[in-house]
Every structure is written in structure tokens, then in C-alpha cells.
Amino acid sequence: MRWSLIGILAAAVLAVTRARAATTATAVSLVPVSARELLTILRATALPPSATTSAMS
């Protein structure tokens, strides 16, 4: 119970800190990624072998 409370408090502090930083920081532009590139990255890192069937090929 104690560790859960500490974890929740830590998450709350991080959320507030991030919200404050987002309002003061400048916008960061992301690099555009195509659907094929994203699928390749996901296949290499996160998707299980059975989920790597040719969905977008």
C-alpha cells in the first residue's frame, strides 16, 4: 500500500512538472514517418513474431 501511494504521488509530480514545462517551452516539431516506416520499426522492436504478417505490404 505504501509503495503504491509513493508511485501515485511521483506520477502526479511528474505530470504537473511536464504540464508546466509544456506551457513554457517552444513547440518541438517531429520528423514525419510514413506508415511503412512505422510498421518496420514496430516489427523490429515491439510486435510479436505472429503479428508481423504482411498487413501493409
N, C-alpha and C. Protein backbone atom coordinates (compact mmCIF):
# COMPACT_ATOMS: atom_id res chain seq x y z
N MET A 1 0.83 -1.19 0.00
CA MET A 1 0.00 0.00 0.00
C MET A 1 0.87 1.25 0.00
N ARG A 2 1.91 1.25 0.80
CA ARG A 2 2.78 2.42 0.92
C ARG A 2 3.47 2.72 -0.41
N TRP A 3 3.98 1.66 -1.09
CA TRP A 3 4.70 1.88 -2.34
C TRP A 3 3.76 2.33 -3.45
N SER A 4 2.52 1.88 -3.41
CA SER A 4 1.54 2.34 -4.39
C SER A 4 1.30 3.83 -4.23
N LEU A 5 1.16 4.28 -3.00
CA LEU A 5 0.93 5.70 -2.73
C LEU A 5 2.13 6.53 -3.19
N ILE A 6 3.33 6.05 -2.93
CA ILE A 6 4.53 6.77 -3.36
C ILE A 6 4.58 6.84 -4.89
N GLY A 7 4.23 5.74 -5.56
CA GLY A 7 4.22 5.72 -7.02
C GLY A 7 3.20 6.68 -7.60
N ILE A 8 2.02 6.75 -6.99
CA ILE A 8 0.98 7.66 -7.46
C ILE A 8 1.41 9.11 -7.25
N LEU A 9 2.00 9.40 -6.11
CA LEU A 9 2.48 10.76 -5.86
C LEU A 9 3.58 11.15 -6.83
N ALA A 10 4.48 10.23 -7.11
CA ALA A 10 5.55 10.51 -8.06
C ALA A 10 4.98 10.79 -9.45
N ALA A 11 3.99 10.01 -9.87
CA ALA A 11 3.37 10.23 -11.17
C ALA A 11 2.67 11.58 -11.22
N ALA A 12 2.03 11.97 -10.13
CA ALA A 12 1.36 13.27 -10.08
C ALA A 12 2.37 14.41 -10.18
N VAL A 13 3.47 14.28 -9.47
CA VAL A 13 4.51 15.33 -9.53
C VAL A 13 5.07 15.43 -10.95
N LEU A 14 5.32 14.31 -11.59
CA LEU A 14 5.85 14.34 -12.95
C LEU A 14 4.84 14.93 -13.93
N ALA A 15 3.55 14.63 -13.75
CA ALA A 15 2.53 15.17 -14.63
C ALA A 15 2.43 16.68 -14.50
N VAL A 16 2.48 17.17 -13.28
CA VAL A 16 2.42 18.63 -13.07
C VAL A 16 3.67 19.30 -13.63
N THR A 17 4.82 18.70 -13.41
CA THR A 17 6.07 19.28 -13.93
C THR A 17 6.05 19.32 -15.44
N ARG A 18 5.58 18.25 -16.05
CA ARG A 18 5.51 18.21 -17.52
C ARG A 18 4.51 19.23 -18.06
N ALA A 19 3.39 19.38 -17.39
CA ALA A 19 2.39 20.35 -17.84
C ALA A 19 2.93 21.77 -17.76
N ARG A 20 3.65 22.07 -16.70
CA ARG A 20 4.24 23.41 -16.56
C ARG A 20 5.33 23.64 -17.60
N ALA A 21 6.12 22.64 -17.87
CA ALA A 21 7.20 22.77 -18.85
C ALA A 21 6.64 22.91 -20.27
N ALA A 22 5.53 22.23 -20.54
CA ALA A 22 4.95 22.29 -21.88
C ALA A 22 4.39 23.67 -22.19
N THR A 23 3.94 24.38 -21.18
CA THR A 23 3.40 25.71 -21.43
C THR A 23 4.50 26.75 -21.63
N THR A 24 5.68 26.50 -21.10
CA THR A 24 6.76 27.48 -21.22
C THR A 24 7.73 27.16 -22.35
N ALA A 25 7.80 25.91 -22.77
CA ALA A 25 8.77 25.52 -23.81
C ALA A 25 8.21 25.84 -25.19
N THR A 26 9.10 25.95 -26.14
CA THR A 26 8.68 26.15 -27.52
C THR A 26 8.24 24.83 -28.12
N ALA A 27 7.47 24.89 -29.16
CA ALA A 27 6.96 23.69 -29.81
C ALA A 27 8.10 22.95 -30.51
N VAL A 28 8.13 21.64 -30.36
CA VAL A 28 9.13 20.81 -30.99
C VAL A 28 8.47 20.09 -32.15
N SER A 29 9.02 20.22 -33.33
CA SER A 29 8.44 19.55 -34.47
C SER A 29 9.02 18.14 -34.58
N LEU A 30 8.17 17.20 -34.93
CA LEU A 30 8.57 15.81 -35.06
C LEU A 30 8.93 15.50 -36.50
N VAL A 31 9.75 14.50 -36.68
CA VAL A 31 10.11 14.07 -38.01
C VAL A 31 8.96 13.24 -38.57
N PRO A 32 8.47 13.54 -39.76
CA PRO A 32 7.37 12.76 -40.31
C PRO A 32 7.80 11.33 -40.63
N VAL A 33 6.95 10.37 -40.29
CA VAL A 33 7.24 8.96 -40.53
C VAL A 33 6.06 8.37 -41.29
N SER A 34 6.37 7.65 -42.36
CA SER A 34 5.31 7.03 -43.14
C SER A 34 4.79 5.78 -42.42
N ALA A 35 3.65 5.30 -42.85
CA ALA A 35 3.06 4.10 -42.24
C ALA A 35 3.97 2.89 -42.42
N ARG A 36 4.60 2.77 -43.57
CA ARG A 36 5.50 1.65 -43.82
C ARG A 36 6.72 1.69 -42.91
N GLU A 37 7.29 2.88 -42.71
CA GLU A 37 8.44 3.01 -41.82
C GLU A 37 8.06 2.69 -40.38
N LEU A 38 6.88 3.16 -39.95
CA LEU A 38 6.42 2.88 -38.60
C LEU A 38 6.19 1.39 -38.40
N LEU A 39 5.60 0.72 -39.37
CA LEU A 39 5.38 -0.71 -39.28
C LEU A 39 6.71 -1.47 -39.21
N THR A 40 7.69 -1.04 -39.97
CA THR A 40 9.01 -1.68 -39.93
C THR A 40 9.65 -1.54 -38.56
N ILE A 41 9.55 -0.35 -37.98
CA ILE A 41 10.11 -0.12 -36.65
C ILE A 41 9.39 -0.98 -35.61
N LEU A 42 8.06 -1.03 -35.69
CA LEU A 42 7.29 -1.84 -34.74
C LEU A 42 7.59 -3.32 -34.90
N ARG A 43 7.75 -3.80 -36.11
CA ARG A 43 8.09 -5.21 -36.33
C ARG A 43 9.44 -5.55 -35.72
N ALA A 44 10.38 -4.63 -35.82
CA ALA A 44 11.73 -4.89 -35.31
C ALA A 44 11.82 -4.81 -33.79
N THR A 45 10.93 -4.05 -33.17
CA THR A 45 11.09 -3.81 -31.74
C THR A 45 9.97 -4.35 -30.88
N ALA A 46 8.72 -4.16 -31.25
CA ALA A 46 7.63 -4.39 -30.29
C ALA A 46 6.66 -5.50 -30.66
N LEU A 47 6.44 -5.74 -31.92
CA LEU A 47 5.42 -6.71 -32.31
C LEU A 47 5.94 -8.13 -32.15
N PRO A 48 5.08 -9.03 -31.65
CA PRO A 48 5.49 -10.44 -31.56
C PRO A 48 5.60 -11.03 -32.97
N PRO A 49 6.34 -12.13 -33.12
CA PRO A 49 6.54 -12.71 -34.46
C PRO A 49 5.25 -13.07 -35.18
N SER A 50 4.21 -13.47 -34.45
CA SER A 50 2.96 -13.85 -35.11
C SER A 50 2.22 -12.64 -35.66
N ALA A 51 2.49 -11.46 -35.13
CA ALA A 51 1.80 -10.26 -35.55
C ALA A 51 2.50 -9.58 -36.73
N THR A 52 3.59 -10.14 -37.19
CA THR A 52 4.36 -9.50 -38.26
C THR A 52 3.96 -10.01 -39.63
N THR A 53 2.72 -10.45 -39.78
CA THR A 53 2.27 -10.86 -41.10
C THR A 53 2.17 -9.65 -41.99
N SER A 54 2.11 -9.86 -43.23
CA SER A 54 2.15 -8.78 -44.20
C SER A 54 0.83 -8.03 -44.22
N ALA A 55 0.65 -7.09 -43.32
CA ALA A 55 -0.58 -6.33 -43.23
C ALA A 55 -0.59 -5.17 -44.20
N MET A 56 0.56 -4.55 -44.42
CA MET A 56 0.60 -3.37 -45.26
C MET A 56 1.45 -3.57 -46.51
N SER A 57 1.91 -4.73 -46.76
CA SER A 57 2.79 -4.94 -47.92
C SER A 57 2.04 -4.96 -49.20
